[in-house]
Protein backbone atom coordinates (compact mmCIF):
# COMPACT_ATOMS: atom_id res chain seq x y z
CA UNK A 1 0.00 0.00 0.00
CA UNK A 2 2.91 2.38 0.76
CA UNK A 3 4.34 1.89 -2.74
CA UNK A 4 0.93 2.68 -4.26
CA UNK A 5 0.52 5.80 -2.10
CA UNK A 6 4.02 7.02 -3.04
CA UNK A 7 3.25 6.53 -6.74
CA UNK A 8 0.02 8.50 -6.42
CA UNK A 9 1.52 11.31 -4.30
CA UNK A 10 4.80 11.77 -6.16
CA UNK A 11 3.89 10.92 -9.76
CA UNK A 12 0.12 11.25 -10.04
CA UNK A 13 -0.30 7.52 -10.68
CA UNK A 14 -3.84 7.01 -12.03
CA UNK A 15 -4.16 3.19 -12.07
CA UNK A 16 -5.57 1.10 -9.25
CA UNK A 17 -3.92 -0.45 -6.23
CA UNK A 18 -4.57 -3.92 -7.69
CA UNK A 19 -2.52 -3.10 -10.80
CA UNK A 20 0.46 -2.31 -8.52
CA UNK A 21 -0.05 -5.63 -6.69
CA UNK A 22 -0.12 -7.53 -10.01
CA UNK A 23 3.09 -5.82 -11.15
CA UNK A 24 4.92 -6.54 -7.89
CA UNK A 25 3.83 -10.21 -7.95
CA UNK A 26 5.58 -10.65 -11.33
CA UNK A 27 8.92 -9.44 -9.98
CA UNK A 28 11.30 -12.37 -9.64
CA UNK A 29 14.03 -12.64 -7.07
CA UNK A 30 17.29 -13.25 -8.92
CA UNK A 31 20.34 -14.92 -7.51
CA UNK A 32 23.42 -12.67 -7.57
CA UNK A 33 26.05 -13.36 -10.20
CA UNK A 34 28.64 -15.88 -9.14
CA UNK A 35 32.02 -14.46 -8.34
CA UNK A 36 35.24 -16.12 -7.34
CA UNK A 37 37.03 -14.98 -4.23
CA UNK A 38 40.75 -14.84 -4.92
CA UNK A 39 43.02 -15.75 -2.07
CA UNK A 40 46.69 -14.96 -1.90
CA UNK A 41 49.37 -15.60 0.66
CA UNK A 42 50.65 -12.72 2.78
CA UNK A 43 52.92 -10.47 0.74
CA UNK A 44 51.87 -12.06 -2.54
CA UNK A 45 49.55 -9.31 -3.79
CA UNK A 46 49.77 -5.51 -3.85
CA UNK A 47 47.95 -2.64 -5.51
CA UNK A 48 49.90 0.07 -7.32
CA UNK A 49 48.60 3.59 -7.97
CA UNK A 50 50.61 5.98 -10.13
CA UNK A 51 49.46 9.46 -11.05
CA UNK A 52 50.08 13.20 -11.13
CA UNK A 53 50.21 15.41 -8.07
CA UNK A 54 49.30 19.06 -7.64
CA UNK A 55 51.32 21.83 -9.24
CA UNK A 56 54.42 22.15 -7.02
CA UNK A 57 57.65 24.13 -7.11
CA UNK A 58 60.60 21.98 -8.19
CA UNK A 59 63.18 21.90 -5.36
CA UNK A 60 66.12 24.24 -6.03
CA UNK A 61 64.38 26.17 -8.83
CA UNK A 62 61.60 28.70 -9.34
CA UNK A 63 59.76 26.41 -11.80
CA UNK A 64 56.44 24.71 -11.06
CA UNK A 65 55.65 21.19 -12.30
CA UNK A 66 53.35 18.33 -11.44
CA UNK A 67 55.26 15.53 -9.71
CA UNK A 68 54.47 11.85 -10.25
CA UNK A 69 53.04 10.03 -7.23
CA UNK A 70 53.68 6.32 -6.65
CA UNK A 71 51.86 4.29 -3.99
CA UNK A 72 52.10 0.51 -3.51
CA UNK A 73 49.80 -0.99 -0.87
CA UNK A 74 50.03 -4.58 0.37
CA UNK A 75 46.71 -6.38 0.43
CA UNK A 76 46.84 -8.10 3.82
CA UNK A 77 48.59 -5.58 6.04
CA UNK A 78 47.47 -2.45 4.09
CA UNK A 79 50.99 -1.09 4.59
CA UNK A 80 51.94 1.45 1.94
CA UNK A 81 55.12 2.54 0.21
CA UNK A 82 54.86 6.10 -1.14
CA UNK A 83 57.27 8.11 -3.28
CA UNK A 84 57.18 11.39 -5.19
CA UNK A 85 59.35 11.59 -8.32
CA UNK A 86 59.89 14.37 -10.83
CA UNK A 87 60.54 12.25 -13.92
CA UNK A 88 58.48 9.47 -15.41
CA UNK A 89 59.62 6.55 -17.47
CA UNK A 90 60.05 2.80 -17.57
CA UNK A 91 63.27 2.89 -15.59
CA UNK A 92 61.72 5.06 -12.87
CA UNK A 93 58.65 2.81 -12.76
CA UNK A 94 60.79 -0.32 -12.40
CA UNK A 95 63.03 1.30 -9.76
CA UNK A 96 60.00 2.31 -7.68
CA UNK A 97 58.70 -1.28 -7.76
CA UNK A 98 62.08 -2.58 -6.63
CA UNK A 99 62.25 -0.08 -3.78
CA UNK A 100 58.72 -0.94 -2.66
PDB file of N, CA and C in Angstrom:
ATOM      1  N   UNK A   1       0.823  -1.188   0.000  1.00  0.00           N
ATOM      2  CA  UNK A   1       0.000   0.000   0.000  1.00  0.00           C
ATOM      3  C   UNK A   1       0.874   1.262   0.000  1.00  0.00           C
ATOM      4  N   UNK A   2       2.023   1.210   0.702  1.00  0.00           N
ATOM      5  CA  UNK A   2       2.905   2.377   0.764  1.00  0.00           C
ATOM      6  C   UNK A   2       3.484   2.703  -0.619  1.00  0.00           C
ATOM      7  N   UNK A   3       3.810   1.670  -1.388  1.00  0.00           N
ATOM      8  CA  UNK A   3       4.341   1.894  -2.743  1.00  0.00           C
ATOM      9  C   UNK A   3       3.280   2.577  -3.592  1.00  0.00           C
ATOM     10  N   UNK A   4       2.037   2.093  -3.504  1.00  0.00           N
ATOM     11  CA  UNK A   4       0.929   2.678  -4.263  1.00  0.00           C
ATOM     12  C   UNK A   4       0.727   4.143  -3.866  1.00  0.00           C
ATOM     13  N   UNK A   5       0.714   4.423  -2.565  1.00  0.00           N
ATOM     14  CA  UNK A   5       0.518   5.800  -2.096  1.00  0.00           C
ATOM     15  C   UNK A   5       1.645   6.715  -2.575  1.00  0.00           C
ATOM     16  N   UNK A   6       2.894   6.218  -2.542  1.00  0.00           N
ATOM     17  CA  UNK A   6       4.016   7.024  -3.038  1.00  0.00           C
ATOM     18  C   UNK A   6       3.871   7.315  -4.526  1.00  0.00           C
ATOM     19  N   UNK A   7       3.447   6.320  -5.304  1.00  0.00           N
ATOM     20  CA  UNK A   7       3.251   6.526  -6.743  1.00  0.00           C
ATOM     21  C   UNK A   7       2.181   7.585  -7.001  1.00  0.00           C
ATOM     22  N   UNK A   8       1.106   7.526  -6.249  1.00  0.00           N
ATOM     23  CA  UNK A   8       0.016   8.500  -6.423  1.00  0.00           C
ATOM     24  C   UNK A   8       0.481   9.893  -6.013  1.00  0.00           C
ATOM     25  N   UNK A   9       1.115   9.995  -4.831  1.00  0.00           N
ATOM     26  CA  UNK A   9       1.518  11.305  -4.304  1.00  0.00           C
ATOM     27  C   UNK A   9       2.614  11.963  -5.131  1.00  0.00           C
ATOM     28  N   UNK A  10       3.620  11.182  -5.508  1.00  0.00           N
ATOM     29  CA  UNK A  10       4.797  11.768  -6.158  1.00  0.00           C
ATOM     30  C   UNK A  10       4.653  11.882  -7.678  1.00  0.00           C
ATOM     31  N   UNK A  11       3.924  10.948  -8.294  1.00  0.00           N
ATOM     32  CA  UNK A  11       3.894  10.916  -9.756  1.00  0.00           C
ATOM     33  C   UNK A  11       2.488  11.016 -10.349  1.00  0.00           C
ATOM     34  N   UNK A  12       1.482  11.155  -9.517  1.00  0.00           N
ATOM     35  CA  UNK A  12       0.119  11.253 -10.042  1.00  0.00           C
ATOM     36  C   UNK A  12      -0.352   9.970 -10.688  1.00  0.00           C
ATOM     37  N   UNK A  13       0.056   8.838 -10.136  1.00  0.00           N
ATOM     38  CA  UNK A  13      -0.295   7.517 -10.678  1.00  0.00           C
ATOM     39  C   UNK A  13      -1.811   7.372 -10.693  1.00  0.00           C
ATOM     40  N   UNK A  14      -2.388   7.030 -11.872  1.00  0.00           N
ATOM     41  CA  UNK A  14      -3.838   7.008 -12.025  1.00  0.00           C
ATOM     42  C   UNK A  14      -4.437   5.607 -11.995  1.00  0.00           C
ATOM     43  N   UNK A  15      -3.635   4.564 -12.059  1.00  0.00           N
ATOM     44  CA  UNK A  15      -4.157   3.192 -12.070  1.00  0.00           C
ATOM     45  C   UNK A  15      -4.537   2.773 -10.657  1.00  0.00           C
ATOM     46  N   UNK A  16      -5.070   1.570 -10.550  1.00  0.00           N
ATOM     47  CA  UNK A  16      -5.568   1.102  -9.250  1.00  0.00           C
ATOM     48  C   UNK A  16      -4.486   0.426  -8.417  1.00  0.00           C
ATOM     49  N   UNK A  17      -4.824   0.225  -7.147  1.00  0.00           N
ATOM     50  CA  UNK A  17      -3.916  -0.454  -6.225  1.00  0.00           C
ATOM     51  C   UNK A  17      -3.671  -1.895  -6.682  1.00  0.00           C
ATOM     52  N   UNK A  18      -4.708  -2.540  -7.228  1.00  0.00           N
ATOM     53  CA  UNK A  18      -4.569  -3.921  -7.691  1.00  0.00           C
ATOM     54  C   UNK A  18      -3.571  -4.041  -8.846  1.00  0.00           C
ATOM     55  N   UNK A  19      -3.478  -3.034  -9.692  1.00  0.00           N
ATOM     56  CA  UNK A  19      -2.517  -3.095 -10.797  1.00  0.00           C
ATOM     57  C   UNK A  19      -1.082  -3.073 -10.251  1.00  0.00           C
ATOM     58  N   UNK A  20      -0.862  -2.327  -9.158  1.00  0.00           N
ATOM     59  CA  UNK A  20       0.460  -2.312  -8.520  1.00  0.00           C
ATOM     60  C   UNK A  20       0.752  -3.683  -7.919  1.00  0.00           C
ATOM     61  N   UNK A  21      -0.241  -4.297  -7.270  1.00  0.00           N
ATOM     62  CA  UNK A  21      -0.049  -5.632  -6.689  1.00  0.00           C
ATOM     63  C   UNK A  21       0.282  -6.655  -7.776  1.00  0.00           C
ATOM     64  N   UNK A  22      -0.405  -6.594  -8.919  1.00  0.00           N
ATOM     65  CA  UNK A  22      -0.120  -7.530 -10.012  1.00  0.00           C
ATOM     66  C   UNK A  22       1.301  -7.347 -10.542  1.00  0.00           C
ATOM     67  N   UNK A  23       1.733  -6.089 -10.667  1.00  0.00           N
ATOM     68  CA  UNK A  23       3.089  -5.817 -11.150  1.00  0.00           C
ATOM     69  C   UNK A  23       4.135  -6.363 -10.176  1.00  0.00           C
ATOM     70  N   UNK A  24       3.944  -6.114  -8.893  1.00  0.00           N
ATOM     71  CA  UNK A  24       4.921  -6.545  -7.889  1.00  0.00           C
ATOM     72  C   UNK A  24       4.979  -8.061  -7.819  1.00  0.00           C
ATOM     73  N   UNK A  25       3.849  -8.749  -7.983  1.00  0.00           N
ATOM     74  CA  UNK A  25       3.826 -10.212  -7.954  1.00  0.00           C
ATOM     75  C   UNK A  25       4.684 -10.820  -9.056  1.00  0.00           C
ATOM     76  N   UNK A  26       4.804 -10.127 -10.201  1.00  0.00           N
ATOM     77  CA  UNK A  26       5.582 -10.650 -11.326  1.00  0.00           C
ATOM     78  C   UNK A  26       7.084 -10.481 -11.143  1.00  0.00           C
ATOM     79  N   UNK A  27       7.491  -9.642 -10.209  1.00  0.00           N
ATOM     80  CA  UNK A  27       8.919  -9.444  -9.983  1.00  0.00           C
ATOM     81  C   UNK A  27       9.527 -10.733  -9.448  1.00  0.00           C
ATOM     82  N   UNK A  28      10.648 -11.111 -10.012  1.00  0.00           N
ATOM     83  CA  UNK A  28      11.299 -12.368  -9.643  1.00  0.00           C
ATOM     84  C   UNK A  28      12.583 -12.055  -8.887  1.00  0.00           C
ATOM     85  N   UNK A  29      12.782 -12.782  -7.811  1.00  0.00           N
ATOM     86  CA  UNK A  29      14.031 -12.636  -7.070  1.00  0.00           C
ATOM     87  C   UNK A  29      15.124 -13.365  -7.844  1.00  0.00           C
ATOM     88  N   UNK A  30      16.191 -12.657  -8.152  1.00  0.00           N
ATOM     89  CA  UNK A  30      17.288 -13.251  -8.916  1.00  0.00           C
ATOM     90  C   UNK A  30      18.476 -13.507  -8.000  1.00  0.00           C
ATOM     91  N   UNK A  31      19.123 -14.615  -8.245  1.00  0.00           N
ATOM     92  CA  UNK A  31      20.341 -14.921  -7.506  1.00  0.00           C
ATOM     93  C   UNK A  31      21.445 -13.990  -7.994  1.00  0.00           C
ATOM     94  N   UNK A  32      22.324 -13.534  -7.122  1.00  0.00           N
ATOM     95  CA  UNK A  32      23.423 -12.668  -7.571  1.00  0.00           C
ATOM     96  C   UNK A  32      24.381 -13.446  -8.469  1.00  0.00           C
ATOM     97  N   UNK A  33      25.079 -12.704  -9.323  1.00  0.00           N
ATOM     98  CA  UNK A  33      26.051 -13.355 -10.201  1.00  0.00           C
ATOM     99  C   UNK A  33      27.130 -14.027  -9.366  1.00  0.00           C
ATOM    100  N   UNK A  34      27.581 -15.168  -9.860  1.00  0.00           N
ATOM    101  CA  UNK A  34      28.635 -15.876  -9.142  1.00  0.00           C
ATOM    102  C   UNK A  34      29.946 -15.122  -9.306  1.00  0.00           C
ATOM    103  N   UNK A  35      30.698 -15.051  -8.254  1.00  0.00           N
ATOM    104  CA  UNK A  35      32.021 -14.460  -8.341  1.00  0.00           C
ATOM    105  C   UNK A  35      32.979 -15.343  -7.569  1.00  0.00           C
ATOM    106  N   UNK A  36      34.217 -15.311  -7.981  1.00  0.00           N
ATOM    107  CA  UNK A  36      35.241 -16.121  -7.336  1.00  0.00           C
ATOM    108  C   UNK A  36      36.058 -15.249  -6.406  1.00  0.00           C
ATOM    109  N   UNK A  37      36.211 -15.701  -5.201  1.00  0.00           N
ATOM    110  CA  UNK A  37      37.031 -14.980  -4.232  1.00  0.00           C
ATOM    111  C   UNK A  37      38.476 -15.455  -4.412  1.00  0.00           C
ATOM    112  N   UNK A  38      39.339 -14.514  -4.738  1.00  0.00           N
ATOM    113  CA  UNK A  38      40.747 -14.844  -4.924  1.00  0.00           C
ATOM    114  C   UNK A  38      41.451 -14.781  -3.581  1.00  0.00           C
ATOM    115  N   UNK A  39      42.274 -15.773  -3.328  1.00  0.00           N
ATOM    116  CA  UNK A  39      43.017 -15.747  -2.066  1.00  0.00           C
ATOM    117  C   UNK A  39      44.497 -15.847  -2.373  1.00  0.00           C
ATOM    118  N   UNK A  40      45.262 -15.027  -1.707  1.00  0.00           N
ATOM    119  CA  UNK A  40      46.695 -14.965  -1.901  1.00  0.00           C
ATOM    120  C   UNK A  40      47.377 -15.067  -0.551  1.00  0.00           C
ATOM    121  N   UNK A  41      48.584 -15.552  -0.567  1.00  0.00           N
ATOM    122  CA  UNK A  41      49.375 -15.605   0.661  1.00  0.00           C
ATOM    123  C   UNK A  41      49.812 -14.191   1.037  1.00  0.00           C
ATOM    124  N   UNK A  42      50.198 -14.022   2.295  1.00  0.00           N
ATOM    125  CA  UNK A  42      50.648 -12.720   2.784  1.00  0.00           C
ATOM    126  C   UNK A  42      51.869 -12.269   1.984  1.00  0.00           C
ATOM    127  N   UNK A  43      51.826 -11.036   1.510  1.00  0.00           N
ATOM    128  CA  UNK A  43      52.923 -10.470   0.735  1.00  0.00           C
ATOM    129  C   UNK A  43      52.929 -10.856  -0.730  1.00  0.00           C
ATOM    130  N   UNK A  44      51.919 -11.574  -1.164  1.00  0.00           N
ATOM    131  CA  UNK A  44      51.874 -12.057  -2.545  1.00  0.00           C
ATOM    132  C   UNK A  44      51.141 -11.108  -3.491  1.00  0.00           C
ATOM    133  N   UNK A  45      50.335 -10.205  -2.934  1.00  0.00           N
ATOM    134  CA  UNK A  45      49.547  -9.308  -3.785  1.00  0.00           C
ATOM    135  C   UNK A  45      49.644  -7.873  -3.262  1.00  0.00           C
ATOM    136  N   UNK A  46      49.733  -6.934  -4.198  1.00  0.00           N
ATOM    137  CA  UNK A  46      49.771  -5.510  -3.851  1.00  0.00           C
ATOM    138  C   UNK A  46      49.050  -4.719  -4.935  1.00  0.00           C
ATOM    139  N   UNK A  47      48.585  -3.539  -4.561  1.00  0.00           N
ATOM    140  CA  UNK A  47      47.947  -2.638  -5.513  1.00  0.00           C
ATOM    141  C   UNK A  47      48.858  -1.450  -5.722  1.00  0.00           C
ATOM    142  N   UNK A  48      49.031  -1.050  -6.991  1.00  0.00           N
ATOM    143  CA  UNK A  48      49.898   0.075  -7.319  1.00  0.00           C
ATOM    144  C   UNK A  48      49.058   1.184  -7.933  1.00  0.00           C
ATOM    145  N   UNK A  49      49.239   2.392  -7.409  1.00  0.00           N
ATOM    146  CA  UNK A  49      48.602   3.586  -7.969  1.00  0.00           C
ATOM    147  C   UNK A  49      49.711   4.544  -8.381  1.00  0.00           C
ATOM    148  N   UNK A  50      49.573   5.111  -9.567  1.00  0.00           N
ATOM    149  CA  UNK A  50      50.606   5.983 -10.126  1.00  0.00           C
ATOM    150  C   UNK A  50      49.899   7.115 -10.831  1.00  0.00           C
ATOM    151  N   UNK A  51      50.156   8.353 -10.421  1.00  0.00           N
ATOM    152  CA  UNK A  51      49.458   9.460 -11.053  1.00  0.00           C
ATOM    153  C   UNK A  51      50.162  10.780 -10.831  1.00  0.00           C
ATOM    154  N   UNK A  52      49.511  11.861 -11.255  1.00  0.00           N
ATOM    155  CA  UNK A  52      50.077  13.202 -11.130  1.00  0.00           C
ATOM    156  C   UNK A  52      49.624  13.862  -9.842  1.00  0.00           C
ATOM    157  N   UNK A  53      50.532  14.637  -9.261  1.00  0.00           N
ATOM    158  CA  UNK A  53      50.207  15.413  -8.071  1.00  0.00           C
ATOM    159  C   UNK A  53      49.817  16.834  -8.446  1.00  0.00           C
ATOM    160  N   UNK A  54      49.664  17.663  -7.433  1.00  0.00           N
ATOM    161  CA  UNK A  54      49.302  19.060  -7.638  1.00  0.00           C
ATOM    162  C   UNK A  54      50.511  19.851  -8.129  1.00  0.00           C
ATOM    163  N   UNK A  55      50.265  20.965  -8.761  1.00  0.00           N
ATOM    164  CA  UNK A  55      51.321  21.835  -9.237  1.00  0.00           C
ATOM    165  C   UNK A  55      52.197  22.250  -8.054  1.00  0.00           C
ATOM    166  N   UNK A  56      53.495  21.958  -8.134  1.00  0.00           N
ATOM    167  CA  UNK A  56      54.421  22.155  -7.019  1.00  0.00           C
ATOM    168  C   UNK A  56      55.723  22.745  -7.536  1.00  0.00           C
ATOM    169  N   UNK A  57      56.364  23.552  -6.706  1.00  0.00           N
ATOM    170  CA  UNK A  57      57.645  24.131  -7.110  1.00  0.00           C
ATOM    171  C   UNK A  57      58.722  23.057  -7.049  1.00  0.00           C
ATOM    172  N   UNK A  58      59.514  22.954  -8.114  1.00  0.00           N
ATOM    173  CA  UNK A  58      60.601  21.984  -8.189  1.00  0.00           C
ATOM    174  C   UNK A  58      61.691  22.421  -7.208  1.00  0.00           C
ATOM    175  N   UNK A  59      62.149  21.520  -6.339  1.00  0.00           N
ATOM    176  CA  UNK A  59      63.177  21.900  -5.363  1.00  0.00           C
ATOM    177  C   UNK A  59      64.424  22.475  -6.036  1.00  0.00           C
ATOM    178  N   UNK A  60      64.911  23.609  -5.512  1.00  0.00           N
ATOM    179  CA  UNK A  60      66.120  24.239  -6.031  1.00  0.00           C
ATOM    180  C   UNK A  60      65.912  25.152  -7.222  1.00  0.00           C
ATOM    181  N   UNK A  61      64.667  25.292  -7.683  1.00  0.00           N
ATOM    182  CA  UNK A  61      64.383  26.166  -8.835  1.00  0.00           C
ATOM    183  C   UNK A  61      63.147  27.011  -8.531  1.00  0.00           C
ATOM    184  N   UNK A  62      62.829  27.901  -9.455  1.00  0.00           N
ATOM    185  CA  UNK A  62      61.603  28.701  -9.342  1.00  0.00           C
ATOM    186  C   UNK A  62      60.500  28.165 -10.265  1.00  0.00           C
ATOM    187  N   UNK A  63      60.732  27.006 -10.872  1.00  0.00           N
ATOM    188  CA  UNK A  63      59.763  26.406 -11.796  1.00  0.00           C
ATOM    189  C   UNK A  63      58.711  25.597 -11.039  1.00  0.00           C
ATOM    190  N   UNK A  64      57.520  25.525 -11.619  1.00  0.00           N
ATOM    191  CA  UNK A  64      56.443  24.709 -11.063  1.00  0.00           C
ATOM    192  C   UNK A  64      56.135  23.578 -12.037  1.00  0.00           C
ATOM    193  N   UNK A  65      56.005  22.372 -11.511  1.00  0.00           N
ATOM    194  CA  UNK A  65      55.648  21.188 -12.305  1.00  0.00           C
ATOM    195  C   UNK A  65      54.743  20.289 -11.480  1.00  0.00           C
ATOM    196  N   UNK A  66      54.161  19.332 -12.133  1.00  0.00           N
ATOM    197  CA  UNK A  66      53.350  18.327 -11.441  1.00  0.00           C
ATOM    198  C   UNK A  66      54.222  17.087 -11.210  1.00  0.00           C
ATOM    199  N   UNK A  67      54.458  16.726  -9.960  1.00  0.00           N
ATOM    200  CA  UNK A  67      55.263  15.525  -9.707  1.00  0.00           C
ATOM    201  C   UNK A  67      54.444  14.265  -9.955  1.00  0.00           C
ATOM    202  N   UNK A  68      55.126  13.154 -10.111  1.00  0.00           N
ATOM    203  CA  UNK A  68      54.474  11.852 -10.252  1.00  0.00           C
ATOM    204  C   UNK A  68      54.400  11.215  -8.871  1.00  0.00           C
ATOM    205  N   UNK A  69      53.258  10.649  -8.538  1.00  0.00           N
ATOM    206  CA  UNK A  69      53.039  10.030  -7.233  1.00  0.00           C
ATOM    207  C   UNK A  69      52.931   8.523  -7.403  1.00  0.00           C
ATOM    208  N   UNK A  70      53.677   7.780  -6.601  1.00  0.00           N
ATOM    209  CA  UNK A  70      53.682   6.321  -6.650  1.00  0.00           C
ATOM    210  C   UNK A  70      53.288   5.802  -5.281  1.00  0.00           C
ATOM    211  N   UNK A  71      52.283   4.918  -5.243  1.00  0.00           N
ATOM    212  CA  UNK A  71      51.860   4.290  -3.986  1.00  0.00           C
ATOM    213  C   UNK A  71      51.665   2.801  -4.249  1.00  0.00           C
ATOM    214  N   UNK A  72      52.326   1.957  -3.458  1.00  0.00           N
ATOM    215  CA  UNK A  72      52.102   0.513  -3.512  1.00  0.00           C
ATOM    216  C   UNK A  72      51.592   0.092  -2.138  1.00  0.00           C
ATOM    217  N   UNK A  73      50.430  -0.576  -2.122  1.00  0.00           N
ATOM    218  CA  UNK A  73      49.795  -0.989  -0.873  1.00  0.00           C
ATOM    219  C   UNK A  73      49.662  -2.501  -0.853  1.00  0.00           C
ATOM    220  N   UNK A  74      50.165  -3.129   0.215  1.00  0.00           N
ATOM    221  CA  UNK A  74      50.030  -4.579   0.374  1.00  0.00           C
ATOM    222  C   UNK A  74      48.594  -4.919   0.757  1.00  0.00           C
ATOM    223  N   UNK A  75      48.107  -6.025   0.223  1.00  0.00           N
ATOM    224  CA  UNK A  75      46.713  -6.375   0.431  1.00  0.00           C
ATOM    225  C   UNK A  75      46.403  -6.740   1.888  1.00  0.00           C
ATOM    226  N   UNK A  76      47.183  -7.611   2.476  1.00  0.00           N
ATOM    227  CA  UNK A  76      46.839  -8.104   3.817  1.00  0.00           C
ATOM    228  C   UNK A  76      47.088  -7.081   4.918  1.00  0.00           C
ATOM    229  N   UNK A  77      48.251  -6.477   4.933  1.00  0.00           N
ATOM    230  CA  UNK A  77      48.591  -5.580   6.036  1.00  0.00           C
ATOM    231  C   UNK A  77      48.158  -4.143   5.770  1.00  0.00           C
ATOM    232  N   UNK A  78      47.842  -3.804   4.512  1.00  0.00           N
ATOM    233  CA  UNK A  78      47.474  -2.453   4.090  1.00  0.00           C
ATOM    234  C   UNK A  78      48.620  -1.462   4.299  1.00  0.00           C
ATOM    235  N   UNK A  79      49.830  -1.973   4.476  1.00  0.00           N
ATOM    236  CA  UNK A  79      50.993  -1.092   4.592  1.00  0.00           C
ATOM    237  C   UNK A  79      51.287  -0.507   3.225  1.00  0.00           C
ATOM    238  N   UNK A  80      51.719   0.752   3.205  1.00  0.00           N
ATOM    239  CA  UNK A  80      51.935   1.450   1.938  1.00  0.00           C
ATOM    240  C   UNK A  80      53.363   1.952   1.817  1.00  0.00           C
ATOM    241  N   UNK A  81      53.848   1.939   0.589  1.00  0.00           N
ATOM    242  CA  UNK A  81      55.118   2.538   0.211  1.00  0.00           C
ATOM    243  C   UNK A  81      54.763   3.701  -0.701  1.00  0.00           C
ATOM    244  N   UNK A  82      55.222   4.913  -0.353  1.00  0.00           N
ATOM    245  CA  UNK A  82      54.865   6.102  -1.143  1.00  0.00           C
ATOM    246  C   UNK A  82      56.119   6.847  -1.542  1.00  0.00           C
ATOM    247  N   UNK A  83      56.146   7.312  -2.797  1.00  0.00           N
ATOM    248  CA  UNK A  83      57.266   8.109  -3.280  1.00  0.00           C
ATOM    249  C   UNK A  83      56.748   9.173  -4.232  1.00  0.00           C
ATOM    250  N   UNK A  84      57.442  10.310  -4.249  1.00  0.00           N
ATOM    251  CA  UNK A  84      57.178  11.390  -5.194  1.00  0.00           C
ATOM    252  C   UNK A  84      58.417  11.506  -6.068  1.00  0.00           C
ATOM    253  N   UNK A  85      58.228  11.458  -7.383  1.00  0.00           N
ATOM    254  CA  UNK A  85      59.353  11.587  -8.323  1.00  0.00           C
ATOM    255  C   UNK A  85      59.030  12.676  -9.329  1.00  0.00           C
ATOM    256  N   UNK A  86      60.077  13.271  -9.888  1.00  0.00           N
ATOM    257  CA  UNK A  86      59.894  14.368 -10.833  1.00  0.00           C
ATOM    258  C   UNK A  86      59.975  13.918 -12.283  1.00  0.00           C
ATOM    259  N   UNK A  87      60.496  12.732 -12.532  1.00  0.00           N
ATOM    260  CA  UNK A  87      60.544  12.249 -13.922  1.00  0.00           C
ATOM    261  C   UNK A  87      59.751  10.949 -14.014  1.00  0.00           C
ATOM    262  N   UNK A  88      59.299  10.654 -15.205  1.00  0.00           N
ATOM    263  CA  UNK A  88      58.478   9.474 -15.408  1.00  0.00           C
ATOM    264  C   UNK A  88      59.029   8.694 -16.593  1.00  0.00           C
ATOM    265  N   UNK A  89      59.146   7.402 -16.403  1.00  0.00           N
ATOM    266  CA  UNK A  89      59.624   6.551 -17.473  1.00  0.00           C
ATOM    267  C   UNK A  89      59.665   5.112 -16.998  1.00  0.00           C
ATOM    268  N   UNK A  90      60.011   4.213 -17.909  1.00  0.00           N
ATOM    269  CA  UNK A  90      60.046   2.798 -17.568  1.00  0.00           C
ATOM    270  C   UNK A  90      61.074   2.502 -16.480  1.00  0.00           C
ATOM    271  N   UNK A  91      62.227   3.131 -16.584  1.00  0.00           N
ATOM    272  CA  UNK A  91      63.274   2.893 -15.592  1.00  0.00           C
ATOM    273  C   UNK A  91      62.830   3.365 -14.204  1.00  0.00           C
ATOM    274  N   UNK A  92      62.227   4.535 -14.148  1.00  0.00           N
ATOM    275  CA  UNK A  92      61.724   5.059 -12.873  1.00  0.00           C
ATOM    276  C   UNK A  92      60.648   4.143 -12.304  1.00  0.00           C
ATOM    277  N   UNK A  93      59.738   3.715 -13.163  1.00  0.00           N
ATOM    278  CA  UNK A  93      58.645   2.813 -12.763  1.00  0.00           C
ATOM    279  C   UNK A  93      59.208   1.522 -12.185  1.00  0.00           C
ATOM    280  N   UNK A  94      60.179   0.925 -12.858  1.00  0.00           N
ATOM    281  CA  UNK A  94      60.786  -0.324 -12.395  1.00  0.00           C
ATOM    282  C   UNK A  94      61.535  -0.095 -11.081  1.00  0.00           C
ATOM    283  N   UNK A  95      62.285   1.015 -10.973  1.00  0.00           N
ATOM    284  CA  UNK A  95      63.026   1.301  -9.760  1.00  0.00           C
ATOM    285  C   UNK A  95      62.088   1.467  -8.565  1.00  0.00           C
ATOM    286  N   UNK A  96      60.954   2.141  -8.754  1.00  0.00           N
ATOM    287  CA  UNK A  96      59.999   2.314  -7.677  1.00  0.00           C
ATOM    288  C   UNK A  96      59.425   0.961  -7.213  1.00  0.00           C
ATOM    289  N   UNK A  97      59.177   0.055  -8.142  1.00  0.00           N
ATOM    290  CA  UNK A  97      58.698  -1.278  -7.762  1.00  0.00           C
ATOM    291  C   UNK A  97      59.757  -2.016  -6.956  1.00  0.00           C
ATOM    292  N   UNK A  98      61.013  -1.916  -7.364  1.00  0.00           N
ATOM    293  CA  UNK A  98      62.080  -2.583  -6.630  1.00  0.00           C
ATOM    294  C   UNK A  98      62.210  -2.021  -5.227  1.00  0.00           C
ATOM    295  N   UNK A  99      62.136  -0.704  -5.097  1.00  0.00           N
ATOM    296  CA  UNK A  99      62.248  -0.076  -3.783  1.00  0.00           C
ATOM    297  C   UNK A  99      61.090  -0.482  -2.868  1.00  0.00           C
ATOM    298  N   UNK A 100      59.903  -0.579  -3.461  1.00  0.00           N
ATOM    299  CA  UNK A 100      58.722  -0.942  -2.662  1.00  0.00           C
ATOM    300  C   UNK A 100      58.860  -2.358  -2.149  1.00  0.00           C
TER     301      UNK A 100
END
